[in-house]
Amino acid sequence: MNDRGLGFLGLVYVGGLLFGLGLAVSQMARPEVVLDFLQLEDLGLLFVMGGGAALAGVVFAIASRSGRSAPLTGRPYGLRLREFDRNVAIGGVIFGVGWGLSGICPGAAYASVGIGNYPILIAIAGMFAGAYVQGVLR
């Protein structure tokens, strides 16, 4: 990634900045709001996630037709089809349990630190440990 220059790194930083700001403004970085959503008591996050997915879909459709490559990976934009196998199902269940226990998903966890929710660092450490264990077992 370093061979792409400081302009590219600045673009990646701005992308992360916008992502984190969006998570904080929409309150997705607050575990109590996410837990209310997961208990079907506040469905506001459904509109945030749906709106984000719809906008990202439009951007990817336009980017796919442009013939350009994704800036971070360098690969052409396009569909990445993957079969639904046992690992996807097991990983989804584990992710869901972790999401429900911690009250936050990975991207929102980092943004949550930015709004001063420092106890979430324990959940982030758990995410790294879980990913490490998966890598060792693979």
Foldseek 3Di string as FASTA:
>chain_A
DVVVDPVLVVVVVVVLVVLLVLCVVLVLLPLVQLLCCVVVNDVSVVCVVVVVVVVVVVVLVVQQVVQAPDSPPRHRRDDDDDDDDPVNVVVVVVQVVLCNVLSHHDSSLVSNVVVPPVVSVVSVVVVVVVVVVVVVVD
